[in-house]
Amino acid sequence: MWPIERSVLLALLGKNKAIEVNNLFGSGIKETYKIYSLVSRTKIGKQRYTELYNKTFSLLLKCNRLPRPAKYPVVNWLTRNRAKYNFVYATGGQRNESRYVLESLGITKYFDLKNSLDKTNCKFSKSTGILFRKIAKIFPQCLVITDGESDCRGAARVGIPCIKMVNIRC
């Protein structure tokens, strides 16, 4: 998601802030609101930021100015296993971003979007396990497939098995 998030941040902050934004992300700061707050001269609350972020994302999407998401091994795994599992996504990101990525990768049709979770319907991060607990109530035999270590920690908190895939482009 970072290339997409970076595009939105630079549209909000200006392309001249690219080095500063990249440095903050590289230092381990992954939350876009925090990056925005550290770089922007204008101080706004998280709710206003989310509104601006979503509006900017929609504008970039409409103007076809968003980067195409990378196709990682998990995409091939999902395609190969589409008949074996019901897929939902669980993300701390925005719904429109998640849907854009799934559509761009041609895998939307494999997902149960109604039962998927994002910031719109669950404000908690995956590392808390709360998103996974909600999914496990609907799908008790669920399995988390991820590329993030914190996702595995969140899944472990609620006793859900987790497979971590390495983020290597196909």
Protein backbone atom coordinates (compact mmCIF):
# COMPACT_ATOMS: atom_id res chain seq x y z
CA MET A 1 0.00 0.00 0.00
CA TRP A 2 2.92 2.36 0.58
CA PRO A 3 3.29 3.55 -3.04
CA ILE A 4 -0.41 4.46 -3.04
CA GLU A 5 -0.26 6.09 0.39
CA ARG A 6 2.89 7.96 -0.66
CA SER A 7 1.11 9.30 -3.76
CA VAL A 8 -1.76 10.61 -1.66
CA LEU A 9 0.59 12.15 0.91
CA LEU A 10 2.59 13.92 -1.79
CA ALA A 11 -0.61 15.22 -3.38
CA LEU A 12 -1.57 16.65 0.02
CA LEU A 13 1.87 17.95 1.02
CA GLY A 14 3.51 18.74 -2.31
CA LYS A 15 6.07 16.78 -4.30
CA ASN A 16 8.86 18.84 -2.74
CA LYS A 17 8.24 16.90 0.50
CA ALA A 18 9.05 13.53 -1.10
CA ILE A 19 12.45 13.10 0.58
CA GLU A 20 11.08 14.00 4.00
CA VAL A 21 8.09 11.64 3.57
CA ASN A 22 10.35 8.80 2.38
CA ASN A 23 12.78 9.34 5.26
CA LEU A 24 10.00 9.19 7.85
CA PHE A 25 8.58 6.02 6.32
CA GLY A 26 12.08 4.53 6.16
CA SER A 27 12.62 5.36 9.83
CA GLY A 28 9.71 3.08 10.74
CA ILE A 29 6.82 5.53 10.86
CA LYS A 30 4.11 3.81 8.82
CA GLU A 31 0.95 5.68 9.82
CA THR A 32 0.14 8.27 7.15
CA TYR A 33 -1.52 10.69 9.58
CA LYS A 34 1.63 10.75 11.70
CA ILE A 35 3.79 11.36 8.62
CA TYR A 36 1.44 14.12 7.48
CA SER A 37 1.48 15.72 10.95
CA LEU A 38 5.28 15.71 11.10
CA VAL A 39 5.71 17.21 7.62
CA SER A 40 2.78 19.59 7.23
CA ARG A 41 2.86 23.16 8.51
CA THR A 42 -0.92 22.97 8.87
CA LYS A 43 -2.07 21.09 11.95
CA ILE A 44 -5.37 19.26 11.57
CA GLY A 45 -7.15 16.54 13.51
CA LYS A 46 -7.22 12.93 12.46
CA GLN A 47 -10.85 13.06 11.34
CA ARG A 48 -10.21 16.05 9.05
CA TYR A 49 -7.06 14.39 7.77
CA THR A 50 -9.00 11.20 6.93
CA GLU A 51 -11.56 13.26 5.01
CA LEU A 52 -8.79 15.04 3.05
CA TYR A 53 -6.94 11.77 2.47
CA ASN A 54 -10.04 10.03 1.11
CA LYS A 55 -10.99 12.98 -1.08
CA THR A 56 -7.44 13.17 -2.48
CA PHE A 57 -7.35 9.41 -3.08
CA SER A 58 -10.63 9.63 -5.00
CA LEU A 59 -9.34 12.53 -7.09
CA LEU A 60 -6.08 10.71 -7.92
CA LEU A 61 -8.08 7.60 -8.82
CA LYS A 62 -10.42 9.59 -11.06
CA CYS A 63 -7.45 11.24 -12.80
CA ASN A 64 -5.66 7.88 -13.15
CA ARG A 65 -2.68 9.14 -11.14
CA LEU A 66 -2.34 6.28 -8.67
CA PRO A 67 0.48 3.77 -9.01
CA ARG A 68 -0.43 0.19 -9.90
CA PRO A 69 0.00 -2.13 -6.94
CA ALA A 70 2.80 -4.67 -7.08
CA LYS A 71 1.84 -8.28 -7.65
CA TYR A 72 3.35 -10.22 -4.76
CA PRO A 73 3.35 -14.03 -4.25
CA VAL A 74 0.22 -13.80 -2.11
CA VAL A 75 -1.74 -12.88 -5.26
CA ASN A 76 -0.72 -16.12 -6.96
CA TRP A 77 -1.48 -18.05 -3.78
CA LEU A 78 -4.97 -16.50 -3.59
CA THR A 79 -5.66 -17.32 -7.23
CA ARG A 80 -4.49 -20.94 -6.85
CA ASN A 81 -6.52 -21.43 -3.66
CA ARG A 82 -9.68 -19.51 -4.56
CA ALA A 83 -11.84 -22.66 -4.54
CA LYS A 84 -10.52 -23.87 -1.16
CA TYR A 85 -11.18 -20.78 0.95
CA ASN A 86 -13.51 -17.84 1.48
CA PHE A 87 -11.34 -14.71 1.40
CA VAL A 88 -11.90 -11.52 3.35
CA TYR A 89 -9.44 -8.70 3.77
CA ALA A 90 -8.56 -7.13 7.10
CA THR A 91 -6.68 -3.87 6.86
CA GLY A 92 -5.98 -0.82 8.95
CA GLY A 93 -6.20 1.10 5.68
CA GLN A 94 -9.02 2.79 3.86
CA ARG A 95 -11.77 0.82 2.08
CA ASN A 96 -11.32 2.58 -1.26
CA GLU A 97 -7.59 1.83 -1.27
CA SER A 98 -8.17 -1.83 -0.53
CA ARG A 99 -10.78 -2.14 -3.25
CA TYR A 100 -8.50 -0.34 -5.71
CA VAL A 101 -5.69 -2.81 -5.00
CA LEU A 102 -7.97 -5.85 -5.33
CA GLU A 103 -9.45 -4.53 -8.59
CA SER A 104 -6.04 -3.62 -10.03
CA LEU A 105 -4.76 -7.11 -9.28
CA GLY A 106 -7.88 -8.72 -10.73
CA ILE A 107 -8.78 -10.59 -7.54
CA THR A 108 -11.85 -8.73 -6.25
CA LYS A 109 -14.10 -11.59 -7.34
CA TYR A 110 -12.39 -13.94 -4.88
CA PHE A 111 -13.25 -11.80 -1.83
CA ASP A 112 -16.27 -11.63 0.43
CA LEU A 113 -16.34 -7.83 0.58
CA LYS A 114 -19.35 -7.71 2.90
CA ASN A 115 -17.38 -9.41 5.69
CA SER A 116 -14.05 -7.66 5.02
CA LEU A 117 -12.75 -5.14 7.54
CA ASP A 118 -11.06 -1.77 7.12
CA LYS A 119 -10.95 1.62 8.88
CA THR A 120 -14.54 2.23 7.83
CA ASN A 121 -15.97 -0.61 9.90
CA CYS A 122 -13.19 -1.36 12.44
CA LYS A 123 -10.89 1.36 13.74
CA PHE A 124 -8.41 -0.99 15.47
CA SER A 125 -5.04 -2.02 14.09
CA LYS A 126 -4.44 -5.63 13.12
CA SER A 127 -1.76 -6.01 15.80
CA THR A 128 -4.45 -5.75 18.50
CA GLY A 129 -6.12 -8.89 17.16
CA ILE A 130 -9.54 -7.21 17.27
CA LEU A 131 -10.02 -7.33 13.48
CA PHE A 132 -9.14 -11.01 13.45
CA ARG A 133 -11.46 -11.75 16.38
CA LYS A 134 -14.35 -10.18 14.43
CA ILE A 135 -13.57 -12.29 11.38
CA ALA A 136 -13.22 -15.46 13.47
CA LYS A 137 -16.76 -14.96 14.78
CA ILE A 138 -18.02 -15.30 11.20
CA PHE A 139 -15.38 -17.77 9.98
CA PRO A 140 -14.30 -19.87 13.01
CA GLN A 141 -11.80 -21.93 10.99
CA CYS A 142 -10.06 -18.86 9.52
CA LEU A 143 -6.40 -18.58 8.63
CA VAL A 144 -4.46 -15.32 8.30
CA ILE A 145 -2.30 -14.93 5.20
CA THR A 146 -0.11 -11.85 5.46
CA ASP A 147 3.18 -10.20 4.63
CA GLY A 148 3.47 -8.48 8.01
CA GLU A 149 4.90 -9.69 11.29
CA SER A 150 2.52 -7.52 13.35
CA ASP A 151 -0.43 -9.22 11.61
CA CYS A 152 0.88 -12.57 12.84
CA ARG A 153 1.16 -11.18 16.38
CA GLY A 154 -2.44 -9.95 16.19
CA ALA A 155 -3.65 -13.32 14.90
CA ALA A 156 -1.74 -15.13 17.65
CA ARG A 157 -3.43 -12.95 20.29
CA VAL A 158 -6.77 -14.48 19.35
CA GLY A 159 -5.51 -17.98 18.54
CA ILE A 160 -5.76 -17.84 14.74
CA PRO A 161 -3.09 -19.62 12.66
CA CYS A 162 -1.02 -17.34 10.47
CA ILE A 163 1.11 -17.80 7.36
CA LYS A 164 3.58 -15.01 6.61
CA MET A 165 4.54 -14.66 2.95
CA VAL A 166 7.66 -12.86 1.84
CA ASN A 167 7.03 -9.70 -0.17
CA ILE A 168 8.88 -10.53 -3.36
CA ARG A 169 7.48 -9.28 -6.65
CA CYS A 170 6.30 -11.92 -9.10
